[in-house]
Amino acid sequence: MFSLSKLSPSITDMIRFDHSHVLVTFHQYTGTAKTSVKKALAETICDALEIHATLEEEIFYPVMRRLDDSPVLQKSEPEHMEMRRFIDELRQTKASDARHDELMHELMRDVMHHVADEETVLLPQAERLLGKDRLSELGAQMTSRRIELLKPKAGKIARNTAVGFSGSTTAIVVGLAGALMAARFVSRHTPELSSRH
């Protein structure tokens, strides 16, 4: 029988990958870029952060709360709410407006602080308290839920990635296409996923 948990990275590795993806995308963002590129990069970051926050809130944080409701964990969801406020304002601001750049930098400043807390406190704590099998099982749950969250946005994400990276990093576009194809394969070959769609 096909087992998603045997193919899935651990939940902590997936969280680290999400953080890296957002930071790599942000490094492409410059104030002098074309407005279409800035808007596409901003949308790529916003979609990635929204999906990431939902996955953490639904899967990772509840498990961690049962183990140890640390101060870092207690402030994580309020930080997500603040992030969502920035995202809403960013989406309502034209990329040609100087405020767009300010909002992007404010959002990323908060994201980097949040990432530092998670990567130095929460993720090592999870790896100490949860066994390898449990981390992989949670990674599989996160993969399954990610597919559900990505499905309605897949075309938009692919377009924004292509415009945002403007051909300068073809490997990233190819990587995204590969990831989407892999997600499609997994959803078709996993009974518990294919029965939902």
N, C-alpha and C. Protein backbone atom coordinates (compact mmCIF):
# COMPACT_ATOMS: atom_id res chain seq x y z
N MET A 1 0.84 -1.20 0.00
CA MET A 1 0.00 0.00 0.00
C MET A 1 0.88 1.25 0.00
N PHE A 2 0.47 2.24 -0.78
CA PHE A 2 1.18 3.51 -0.89
C PHE A 2 1.04 4.28 0.41
N SER A 3 2.16 4.71 1.00
CA SER A 3 2.11 5.45 2.25
C SER A 3 2.76 6.82 2.09
N LEU A 4 1.95 7.86 2.23
CA LEU A 4 2.44 9.21 2.08
C LEU A 4 3.47 9.54 3.15
N SER A 5 3.29 9.00 4.38
CA SER A 5 4.22 9.33 5.45
C SER A 5 5.63 8.83 5.17
N LYS A 6 5.76 7.77 4.35
CA LYS A 6 7.09 7.27 4.01
C LYS A 6 7.79 8.16 2.99
N LEU A 7 7.03 8.91 2.21
CA LEU A 7 7.60 9.80 1.20
C LEU A 7 7.78 11.23 1.72
N SER A 8 7.06 11.58 2.74
CA SER A 8 7.02 12.96 3.19
C SER A 8 8.22 13.33 4.05
N PRO A 9 8.74 14.54 3.84
CA PRO A 9 9.74 15.05 4.78
C PRO A 9 9.08 15.28 6.14
N SER A 10 9.87 15.45 7.17
CA SER A 10 9.31 15.74 8.49
C SER A 10 8.64 17.10 8.46
N ILE A 11 7.73 17.31 9.39
CA ILE A 11 7.02 18.59 9.45
C ILE A 11 7.98 19.73 9.72
N THR A 12 9.03 19.49 10.51
CA THR A 12 9.97 20.55 10.81
C THR A 12 10.79 20.92 9.57
N ASP A 13 11.16 19.93 8.77
CA ASP A 13 11.87 20.23 7.52
C ASP A 13 10.97 21.00 6.55
N MET A 14 9.69 20.65 6.51
CA MET A 14 8.75 21.35 5.63
C MET A 14 8.59 22.81 6.05
N ILE A 15 8.53 23.05 7.35
CA ILE A 15 8.40 24.42 7.85
C ILE A 15 9.65 25.22 7.48
N ARG A 16 10.82 24.62 7.65
CA ARG A 16 12.07 25.30 7.28
C ARG A 16 12.09 25.60 5.77
N PHE A 17 11.63 24.66 4.96
CA PHE A 17 11.59 24.87 3.51
C PHE A 17 10.68 26.05 3.17
N ASP A 18 9.51 26.11 3.82
CA ASP A 18 8.58 27.22 3.57
C ASP A 18 9.25 28.56 3.90
N HIS A 19 9.95 28.60 5.04
CA HIS A 19 10.65 29.83 5.43
C HIS A 19 11.66 30.23 4.35
N SER A 20 12.44 29.25 3.89
CA SER A 20 13.46 29.52 2.87
C SER A 20 12.84 30.02 1.57
N HIS A 21 11.72 29.40 1.18
CA HIS A 21 11.03 29.80 -0.05
C HIS A 21 10.62 31.27 -0.01
N VAL A 22 10.06 31.70 1.13
CA VAL A 22 9.62 33.09 1.26
C VAL A 22 10.82 34.03 1.24
N LEU A 23 11.89 33.67 1.94
CA LEU A 23 13.07 34.53 1.99
C LEU A 23 13.75 34.63 0.62
N VAL A 24 13.84 33.53 -0.11
CA VAL A 24 14.43 33.55 -1.45
C VAL A 24 13.59 34.43 -2.37
N THR A 25 12.29 34.33 -2.27
CA THR A 25 11.41 35.15 -3.10
C THR A 25 11.58 36.63 -2.76
N PHE A 26 11.65 36.93 -1.47
CA PHE A 26 11.82 38.33 -1.04
C PHE A 26 13.14 38.91 -1.57
N HIS A 27 14.17 38.11 -1.65
CA HIS A 27 15.47 38.60 -2.14
C HIS A 27 15.40 39.01 -3.61
N GLN A 28 14.36 38.57 -4.32
CA GLN A 28 14.17 38.99 -5.71
C GLN A 28 13.47 40.35 -5.81
N TYR A 29 12.86 40.78 -4.69
CA TYR A 29 12.05 42.00 -4.67
C TYR A 29 12.97 43.23 -4.53
N THR A 30 12.90 44.14 -5.49
CA THR A 30 13.64 45.40 -5.38
C THR A 30 12.71 46.55 -5.69
N GLY A 31 12.97 47.68 -5.08
CA GLY A 31 12.15 48.87 -5.30
C GLY A 31 12.19 49.38 -6.73
N THR A 32 13.25 49.02 -7.47
CA THR A 32 13.40 49.50 -8.85
C THR A 32 12.82 48.54 -9.89
N ALA A 33 12.32 47.40 -9.44
CA ALA A 33 11.75 46.41 -10.38
C ALA A 33 10.47 46.96 -11.02
N LYS A 34 10.10 46.38 -12.15
CA LYS A 34 8.83 46.74 -12.80
C LYS A 34 7.69 46.48 -11.83
N THR A 35 6.63 47.28 -11.95
CA THR A 35 5.50 47.10 -11.03
C THR A 35 4.89 45.71 -11.17
N SER A 36 4.86 45.16 -12.38
CA SER A 36 4.28 43.82 -12.57
C SER A 36 5.11 42.76 -11.84
N VAL A 37 6.43 42.94 -11.82
CA VAL A 37 7.31 42.00 -11.12
C VAL A 37 7.12 42.14 -9.61
N LYS A 38 7.07 43.38 -9.13
CA LYS A 38 6.89 43.60 -7.68
C LYS A 38 5.56 43.00 -7.21
N LYS A 39 4.50 43.22 -7.99
CA LYS A 39 3.19 42.70 -7.59
C LYS A 39 3.19 41.17 -7.60
N ALA A 40 3.82 40.58 -8.61
CA ALA A 40 3.87 39.12 -8.70
C ALA A 40 4.67 38.52 -7.53
N LEU A 41 5.80 39.14 -7.21
CA LEU A 41 6.60 38.64 -6.08
C LEU A 41 5.84 38.82 -4.77
N ALA A 42 5.18 39.96 -4.61
CA ALA A 42 4.40 40.19 -3.40
C ALA A 42 3.29 39.15 -3.26
N GLU A 43 2.59 38.87 -4.36
CA GLU A 43 1.52 37.86 -4.32
C GLU A 43 2.07 36.47 -4.02
N THR A 44 3.24 36.14 -4.60
CA THR A 44 3.86 34.85 -4.33
C THR A 44 4.16 34.72 -2.84
N ILE A 45 4.72 35.77 -2.25
CA ILE A 45 5.04 35.78 -0.82
C ILE A 45 3.77 35.70 0.01
N CYS A 46 2.77 36.50 -0.34
CA CYS A 46 1.52 36.52 0.44
C CYS A 46 0.82 35.15 0.41
N ASP A 47 0.71 34.55 -0.77
CA ASP A 47 0.08 33.23 -0.86
C ASP A 47 0.86 32.20 -0.04
N ALA A 48 2.19 32.23 -0.17
CA ALA A 48 3.02 31.27 0.57
C ALA A 48 2.85 31.45 2.07
N LEU A 49 2.83 32.69 2.54
CA LEU A 49 2.68 32.95 3.98
C LEU A 49 1.30 32.53 4.49
N GLU A 50 0.27 32.82 3.70
CA GLU A 50 -1.09 32.43 4.13
C GLU A 50 -1.22 30.92 4.25
N ILE A 51 -0.73 30.20 3.26
CA ILE A 51 -0.81 28.74 3.30
C ILE A 51 0.03 28.21 4.45
N HIS A 52 1.22 28.73 4.61
CA HIS A 52 2.12 28.30 5.68
C HIS A 52 1.48 28.52 7.06
N ALA A 53 0.92 29.71 7.27
CA ALA A 53 0.29 30.02 8.56
C ALA A 53 -0.88 29.08 8.84
N THR A 54 -1.70 28.82 7.83
CA THR A 54 -2.83 27.91 8.00
C THR A 54 -2.35 26.51 8.38
N LEU A 55 -1.31 26.04 7.71
CA LEU A 55 -0.77 24.70 8.01
C LEU A 55 -0.24 24.63 9.44
N GLU A 56 0.47 25.65 9.86
CA GLU A 56 0.99 25.65 11.23
C GLU A 56 -0.15 25.69 12.25
N GLU A 57 -1.14 26.54 11.99
CA GLU A 57 -2.25 26.70 12.94
C GLU A 57 -3.10 25.44 13.04
N GLU A 58 -3.29 24.76 11.91
CA GLU A 58 -4.15 23.57 11.92
C GLU A 58 -3.43 22.30 12.36
N ILE A 59 -2.12 22.20 12.08
CA ILE A 59 -1.42 20.93 12.31
C ILE A 59 -0.31 21.04 13.35
N PHE A 60 0.61 21.97 13.17
CA PHE A 60 1.81 22.02 14.02
C PHE A 60 1.54 22.58 15.42
N TYR A 61 0.92 23.75 15.50
CA TYR A 61 0.72 24.39 16.80
C TYR A 61 -0.12 23.56 17.76
N PRO A 62 -1.23 22.95 17.33
CA PRO A 62 -2.01 22.14 18.28
C PRO A 62 -1.19 21.00 18.91
N VAL A 63 -0.36 20.34 18.10
CA VAL A 63 0.49 19.26 18.62
C VAL A 63 1.48 19.82 19.63
N MET A 64 2.10 20.94 19.29
CA MET A 64 3.10 21.54 20.19
C MET A 64 2.47 22.04 21.48
N ARG A 65 1.26 22.57 21.39
CA ARG A 65 0.57 23.06 22.59
C ARG A 65 0.34 21.94 23.61
N ARG A 66 0.05 20.75 23.11
CA ARG A 66 -0.17 19.62 24.01
C ARG A 66 1.11 19.19 24.71
N LEU A 67 2.26 19.49 24.10
CA LEU A 67 3.55 19.10 24.67
C LEU A 67 4.12 20.15 25.61
N ASP A 68 4.07 21.41 25.18
CA ASP A 68 4.66 22.48 25.98
C ASP A 68 4.24 23.82 25.38
N ASP A 69 3.32 24.49 26.04
CA ASP A 69 2.79 25.76 25.52
C ASP A 69 3.76 26.89 25.88
N SER A 70 4.87 26.95 25.18
CA SER A 70 5.94 27.91 25.47
C SER A 70 5.53 29.33 25.10
N PRO A 71 6.25 30.34 25.65
CA PRO A 71 5.96 31.74 25.30
C PRO A 71 6.08 32.00 23.79
N VAL A 72 7.04 31.35 23.13
CA VAL A 72 7.18 31.54 21.67
C VAL A 72 5.94 31.02 20.96
N LEU A 73 5.42 29.89 21.40
CA LEU A 73 4.21 29.33 20.78
C LEU A 73 3.01 30.22 21.05
N GLN A 74 2.93 30.76 22.26
CA GLN A 74 1.79 31.61 22.62
C GLN A 74 1.70 32.86 21.75
N LYS A 75 2.85 33.39 21.33
CA LYS A 75 2.81 34.60 20.51
C LYS A 75 2.76 34.33 19.01
N SER A 76 2.85 33.05 18.62
CA SER A 76 2.92 32.72 17.19
C SER A 76 1.64 33.07 16.44
N GLU A 77 0.49 32.69 16.96
CA GLU A 77 -0.76 32.99 16.25
C GLU A 77 -1.06 34.49 16.20
N PRO A 78 -0.84 35.24 17.29
CA PRO A 78 -1.01 36.70 17.16
C PRO A 78 -0.07 37.29 16.10
N GLU A 79 1.14 36.75 15.97
CA GLU A 79 2.05 37.22 14.92
C GLU A 79 1.50 36.89 13.54
N HIS A 80 0.85 35.74 13.40
CA HIS A 80 0.20 35.41 12.13
C HIS A 80 -0.92 36.40 11.82
N MET A 81 -1.66 36.79 12.83
CA MET A 81 -2.75 37.76 12.61
C MET A 81 -2.19 39.10 12.13
N GLU A 82 -1.09 39.53 12.72
CA GLU A 82 -0.44 40.78 12.30
C GLU A 82 0.07 40.65 10.86
N MET A 83 0.63 39.50 10.55
CA MET A 83 1.10 39.23 9.19
C MET A 83 -0.06 39.32 8.19
N ARG A 84 -1.20 38.75 8.55
CA ARG A 84 -2.37 38.79 7.67
C ARG A 84 -2.86 40.23 7.47
N ARG A 85 -2.72 41.06 8.50
CA ARG A 85 -3.11 42.47 8.37
C ARG A 85 -2.21 43.16 7.34
N PHE A 86 -0.91 42.91 7.41
CA PHE A 86 0.02 43.47 6.42
C PHE A 86 -0.32 42.97 5.01
N ILE A 87 -0.63 41.68 4.91
CA ILE A 87 -0.95 41.10 3.60
C ILE A 87 -2.19 41.77 3.00
N ASP A 88 -3.21 41.96 3.82
CA ASP A 88 -4.43 42.63 3.33
C ASP A 88 -4.11 44.03 2.81
N GLU A 89 -3.33 44.78 3.58
CA GLU A 89 -2.99 46.14 3.17
C GLU A 89 -2.11 46.13 1.93
N LEU A 90 -1.17 45.21 1.88
CA LEU A 90 -0.27 45.09 0.72
C LEU A 90 -1.06 44.81 -0.56
N ARG A 91 -2.03 43.91 -0.45
CA ARG A 91 -2.84 43.57 -1.63
C ARG A 91 -3.70 44.73 -2.11
N GLN A 92 -4.03 45.63 -1.21
CA GLN A 92 -4.86 46.78 -1.59
C GLN A 92 -4.03 47.97 -2.07
N THR A 93 -2.71 47.84 -2.02
CA THR A 93 -1.82 48.94 -2.40
C THR A 93 -1.21 48.66 -3.77
N LYS A 94 -1.24 49.64 -4.64
CA LYS A 94 -0.66 49.49 -5.98
C LYS A 94 0.86 49.34 -5.85
N ALA A 95 1.42 48.49 -6.69
CA ALA A 95 2.87 48.27 -6.67
C ALA A 95 3.65 49.53 -7.04
N SER A 96 3.01 50.46 -7.74
CA SER A 96 3.67 51.71 -8.11
C SER A 96 3.72 52.71 -6.95
N ASP A 97 2.96 52.45 -5.91
CA ASP A 97 2.90 53.32 -4.73
C ASP A 97 4.10 53.01 -3.82
N ALA A 98 4.76 54.06 -3.33
CA ALA A 98 5.91 53.87 -2.43
C ALA A 98 5.52 53.08 -1.18
N ARG A 99 4.27 53.18 -0.78
CA ARG A 99 3.79 52.46 0.41
C ARG A 99 3.89 50.94 0.20
N HIS A 100 3.77 50.49 -1.04
CA HIS A 100 3.88 49.04 -1.34
C HIS A 100 5.24 48.51 -0.88
N ASP A 101 6.31 49.24 -1.23
CA ASP A 101 7.65 48.82 -0.81
C ASP A 101 7.78 48.84 0.71
N GLU A 102 7.24 49.89 1.34
CA GLU A 102 7.30 49.99 2.81
C GLU A 102 6.59 48.80 3.46
N LEU A 103 5.39 48.50 2.96
CA LEU A 103 4.62 47.39 3.52
C LEU A 103 5.35 46.06 3.35
N MET A 104 5.93 45.87 2.17
CA MET A 104 6.67 44.62 1.93
C MET A 104 7.82 44.48 2.93
N HIS A 105 8.54 45.56 3.18
CA HIS A 105 9.66 45.50 4.12
C HIS A 105 9.18 45.34 5.56
N GLU A 106 8.08 45.97 5.92
CA GLU A 106 7.52 45.79 7.26
C GLU A 106 7.06 44.35 7.47
N LEU A 107 6.36 43.80 6.46
CA LEU A 107 5.91 42.42 6.53
C LEU A 107 7.10 41.48 6.70
N MET A 108 8.11 41.66 5.88
CA MET A 108 9.26 40.75 5.93
C MET A 108 10.07 40.91 7.20
N ARG A 109 10.12 42.11 7.76
CA ARG A 109 10.80 42.29 9.05
C ARG A 109 10.11 41.43 10.11
N ASP A 110 8.78 41.47 10.14
CA ASP A 110 8.03 40.66 11.10
C ASP A 110 8.19 39.17 10.81
N VAL A 111 8.16 38.80 9.53
CA VAL A 111 8.32 37.40 9.15
C VAL A 111 9.69 36.87 9.60
N MET A 112 10.74 37.66 9.39
CA MET A 112 12.09 37.21 9.78
C MET A 112 12.21 37.02 11.28
N HIS A 113 11.58 37.88 12.04
CA HIS A 113 11.58 37.73 13.51
C HIS A 113 10.85 36.45 13.90
N HIS A 114 9.71 36.22 13.28
CA HIS A 114 8.90 35.02 13.54
C HIS A 114 9.67 33.76 13.16
N VAL A 115 10.31 33.78 12.00
CA VAL A 115 11.11 32.65 11.52
C VAL A 115 12.25 32.35 12.50
N ALA A 116 12.92 33.39 12.97
CA ALA A 116 14.04 33.20 13.90
C ALA A 116 13.56 32.50 15.17
N ASP A 117 12.42 32.92 15.71
CA ASP A 117 11.86 32.26 16.91
C ASP A 117 11.53 30.80 16.64
N GLU A 118 10.89 30.54 15.50
CA GLU A 118 10.51 29.16 15.21
C GLU A 118 11.74 28.28 15.00
N GLU A 119 12.70 28.79 14.25
CA GLU A 119 13.84 27.94 13.91
C GLU A 119 14.83 27.76 15.06
N THR A 120 14.84 28.68 16.02
CA THR A 120 15.75 28.52 17.15
C THR A 120 15.09 27.91 18.38
N VAL A 121 13.75 27.98 18.45
CA VAL A 121 13.05 27.47 19.64
C VAL A 121 12.07 26.34 19.30
N LEU A 122 11.04 26.64 18.50
CA LEU A 122 9.96 25.68 18.29
C LEU A 122 10.37 24.43 17.52
N LEU A 123 11.09 24.60 16.43
CA LEU A 123 11.44 23.43 15.62
C LEU A 123 12.41 22.49 16.35
N PRO A 124 13.47 23.02 16.98
CA PRO A 124 14.32 22.12 17.77
C PRO A 124 13.55 21.44 18.92
N GLN A 125 12.62 22.18 19.52
CA GLN A 125 11.81 21.61 20.59
C GLN A 125 10.96 20.46 20.06
N ALA A 126 10.34 20.65 18.90
CA ALA A 126 9.54 19.59 18.28
C ALA A 126 10.40 18.37 17.99
N GLU A 127 11.61 18.60 17.50
CA GLU A 127 12.50 17.48 17.17
C GLU A 127 13.00 16.75 18.41
N ARG A 128 13.07 17.45 19.54
CA ARG A 128 13.43 16.79 20.80
C ARG A 128 12.27 15.98 21.37
N LEU A 129 11.05 16.54 21.26
CA LEU A 129 9.89 15.95 21.94
C LEU A 129 9.12 14.92 21.11
N LEU A 130 9.24 15.01 19.80
CA LEU A 130 8.50 14.09 18.92
C LEU A 130 9.49 13.14 18.24
N GLY A 131 9.13 11.92 18.10
CA GLY A 131 9.99 10.97 17.40
C GLY A 131 9.98 11.19 15.91
N LYS A 132 10.94 10.57 15.25
CA LYS A 132 11.08 10.70 13.79
C LYS A 132 9.80 10.27 13.07
N ASP A 133 9.20 9.15 13.52
CA ASP A 133 7.98 8.67 12.87
C ASP A 133 6.84 9.68 13.00
N ARG A 134 6.72 10.28 14.19
CA ARG A 134 5.64 11.25 14.42
C ARG A 134 5.88 12.51 13.58
N LEU A 135 7.14 12.95 13.48
CA LEU A 135 7.46 14.12 12.66
C LEU A 135 7.12 13.85 11.20
N SER A 136 7.40 12.63 10.72
CA SER A 136 7.07 12.27 9.33
C SER A 136 5.57 12.16 9.13
N GLU A 137 4.88 11.61 10.12
CA GLU A 137 3.42 11.51 10.05
C GLU A 137 2.79 12.90 9.95
N LEU A 138 3.28 13.82 10.77
CA LEU A 138 2.78 15.20 10.72
C LEU A 138 3.16 15.87 9.41
N GLY A 139 4.33 15.53 8.88
CA GLY A 139 4.73 16.04 7.57
C GLY A 139 3.77 15.57 6.48
N ALA A 140 3.36 14.31 6.57
CA ALA A 140 2.39 13.77 5.60
C ALA A 140 1.05 14.49 5.72
N GLN A 141 0.61 14.75 6.96
CA GLN A 141 -0.64 15.50 7.16
C GLN A 141 -0.53 16.90 6.55
N MET A 142 0.65 17.51 6.75
CA MET A 142 0.87 18.85 6.21
C MET A 142 0.87 18.81 4.68
N THR A 143 1.47 17.79 4.09
CA THR A 143 1.49 17.65 2.63
C THR A 143 0.07 17.51 2.09
N SER A 144 -0.72 16.67 2.73
CA SER A 144 -2.10 16.45 2.30
C SER A 144 -2.91 17.74 2.35
N ARG A 145 -2.77 18.46 3.45
CA ARG A 145 -3.52 19.70 3.62
C ARG A 145 -3.00 20.78 2.66
N ARG A 146 -1.68 20.80 2.43
CA ARG A 146 -1.10 21.77 1.50
C ARG A 146 -1.69 21.59 0.10
N ILE A 147 -1.82 20.33 -0.32
CA ILE A 147 -2.39 20.06 -1.65
C ILE A 147 -3.79 20.65 -1.75
N GLU A 148 -4.58 20.48 -0.69
CA GLU A 148 -5.94 21.05 -0.68
C GLU A 148 -5.91 22.57 -0.78
N LEU A 149 -4.97 23.20 -0.06
CA LEU A 149 -4.89 24.66 -0.05
C LEU A 149 -4.32 25.22 -1.36
N LEU A 150 -3.39 24.46 -1.97
CA LEU A 150 -2.77 24.90 -3.23
C LEU A 150 -3.68 24.75 -4.44
N LYS A 151 -4.51 23.73 -4.41
CA LYS A 151 -5.30 23.36 -5.59
C LYS A 151 -6.03 24.55 -6.23
N PRO A 152 -6.79 25.35 -5.47
CA PRO A 152 -7.50 26.45 -6.12
C PRO A 152 -6.60 27.61 -6.55
N LYS A 153 -5.35 27.64 -6.05
CA LYS A 153 -4.45 28.76 -6.36
C LYS A 153 -3.31 28.37 -7.29
N ALA A 154 -3.25 27.12 -7.73
CA ALA A 154 -2.09 26.62 -8.47
C ALA A 154 -1.75 27.45 -9.70
N GLY A 155 -2.75 27.79 -10.51
CA GLY A 155 -2.51 28.59 -11.72
C GLY A 155 -1.98 29.97 -11.39
N LYS A 156 -2.58 30.62 -10.41
CA LYS A 156 -2.16 31.96 -9.99
C LYS A 156 -0.73 31.92 -9.47
N ILE A 157 -0.41 30.92 -8.65
CA ILE A 157 0.94 30.81 -8.07
C ILE A 157 1.97 30.59 -9.18
N ALA A 158 1.65 29.73 -10.13
CA ALA A 158 2.58 29.46 -11.25
C ALA A 158 2.82 30.73 -12.07
N ARG A 159 1.74 31.47 -12.38
CA ARG A 159 1.88 32.71 -13.16
C ARG A 159 2.72 33.74 -12.41
N ASN A 160 2.42 33.94 -11.11
CA ASN A 160 3.16 34.93 -10.33
C ASN A 160 4.63 34.54 -10.18
N THR A 161 4.90 33.26 -10.06
CA THR A 161 6.29 32.81 -9.96
C THR A 161 7.02 33.10 -11.27
N ALA A 162 6.39 32.81 -12.40
CA ALA A 162 7.00 33.06 -13.70
C ALA A 162 7.27 34.55 -13.91
N VAL A 163 6.29 35.40 -13.59
CA VAL A 163 6.46 36.85 -13.77
C VAL A 163 7.45 37.39 -12.74
N GLY A 164 7.32 36.96 -11.51
CA GLY A 164 8.17 37.48 -10.44
C GLY A 164 9.64 37.20 -10.64
N PHE A 165 9.94 36.01 -11.13
CA PHE A 165 11.34 35.66 -11.34
C PHE A 165 11.80 36.01 -12.75
N SER A 166 10.88 36.43 -13.61
CA SER A 166 11.18 36.97 -14.94
C SER A 166 12.23 36.20 -15.73
N GLY A 167 12.20 34.88 -15.63
CA GLY A 167 13.12 34.07 -16.41
C GLY A 167 14.53 34.05 -15.86
N SER A 168 14.83 34.87 -14.82
CA SER A 168 16.19 34.90 -14.30
C SER A 168 16.53 33.64 -13.52
N THR A 169 15.52 32.97 -13.04
CA THR A 169 15.75 31.74 -12.28
C THR A 169 14.81 30.67 -12.80
N THR A 170 15.07 30.23 -13.99
CA THR A 170 14.22 29.24 -14.64
C THR A 170 14.05 28.00 -13.79
N ALA A 171 15.09 27.65 -13.05
CA ALA A 171 15.03 26.44 -12.23
C ALA A 171 13.91 26.51 -11.21
N ILE A 172 13.63 27.71 -10.72
CA ILE A 172 12.56 27.83 -9.72
C ILE A 172 11.21 27.57 -10.37
N VAL A 173 11.01 28.09 -11.58
CA VAL A 173 9.75 27.86 -12.29
C VAL A 173 9.61 26.37 -12.59
N VAL A 174 10.69 25.77 -13.07
CA VAL A 174 10.67 24.33 -13.35
C VAL A 174 10.41 23.55 -12.06
N GLY A 175 11.04 23.98 -10.98
CA GLY A 175 10.83 23.33 -9.69
C GLY A 175 9.39 23.40 -9.23
N LEU A 176 8.76 24.57 -9.44
CA LEU A 176 7.36 24.73 -9.07
C LEU A 176 6.49 23.79 -9.89
N ALA A 177 6.76 23.73 -11.19
CA ALA A 177 5.98 22.83 -12.06
C ALA A 177 6.16 21.39 -11.60
N GLY A 178 7.39 21.03 -11.26
CA GLY A 178 7.65 19.67 -10.75
C GLY A 178 6.91 19.40 -9.45
N ALA A 179 6.89 20.39 -8.58
CA ALA A 179 6.18 20.22 -7.30
C ALA A 179 4.68 20.03 -7.53
N LEU A 180 4.13 20.81 -8.47
CA LEU A 180 2.70 20.68 -8.76
C LEU A 180 2.38 19.31 -9.37
N MET A 181 3.28 18.84 -10.24
CA MET A 181 3.08 17.52 -10.84
C MET A 181 3.18 16.43 -9.77
N ALA A 182 4.13 16.59 -8.86
CA ALA A 182 4.28 15.60 -7.78
C ALA A 182 3.04 15.60 -6.89
N ALA A 183 2.53 16.79 -6.59
CA ALA A 183 1.32 16.88 -5.76
C ALA A 183 0.15 16.18 -6.46
N ARG A 184 0.06 16.37 -7.77
CA ARG A 184 -1.01 15.72 -8.54
C ARG A 184 -0.85 14.20 -8.48
N PHE A 185 0.39 13.70 -8.65
CA PHE A 185 0.65 12.26 -8.58
C PHE A 185 0.26 11.71 -7.21
N VAL A 186 0.70 12.39 -6.16
CA VAL A 186 0.41 11.92 -4.80
C VAL A 186 -1.08 11.87 -4.55
N SER A 187 -1.80 12.94 -4.97
CA SER A 187 -3.24 12.97 -4.71
C SER A 187 -3.98 11.87 -5.47
N ARG A 188 -3.47 11.48 -6.65
CA ARG A 188 -4.12 10.43 -7.44
C ARG A 188 -3.80 9.04 -6.91
N HIS A 189 -2.67 8.88 -6.23
CA HIS A 189 -2.23 7.56 -5.81
C HIS A 189 -2.34 7.32 -4.31
N THR A 190 -2.97 8.24 -3.61
CA THR A 190 -3.19 8.07 -2.18
C THR A 190 -4.68 7.98 -1.94
N PRO A 191 -5.18 6.80 -1.51
CA PRO A 191 -6.63 6.62 -1.36
C PRO A 191 -7.30 7.68 -0.50
N GLU A 192 -6.66 8.04 0.64
CA GLU A 192 -7.33 8.99 1.52
C GLU A 192 -7.40 10.38 0.91
N LEU A 193 -6.50 10.71 -0.04
CA LEU A 193 -6.56 12.01 -0.70
C LEU A 193 -7.52 11.98 -1.87
N SER A 194 -7.40 10.95 -2.72
CA SER A 194 -8.22 10.93 -3.93
C SER A 194 -9.69 10.81 -3.61
N SER A 195 -10.04 10.24 -2.46
CA SER A 195 -11.44 10.13 -2.10
C SER A 195 -12.04 11.48 -1.72
N ARG A 196 -11.18 12.48 -1.40
CA ARG A 196 -11.68 13.80 -1.03
C ARG A 196 -11.96 14.65 -2.24
N HIS A 197 -11.37 14.35 -3.39
CA HIS A 197 -11.48 15.22 -4.57
C HIS A 197 -12.33 14.64 -5.65
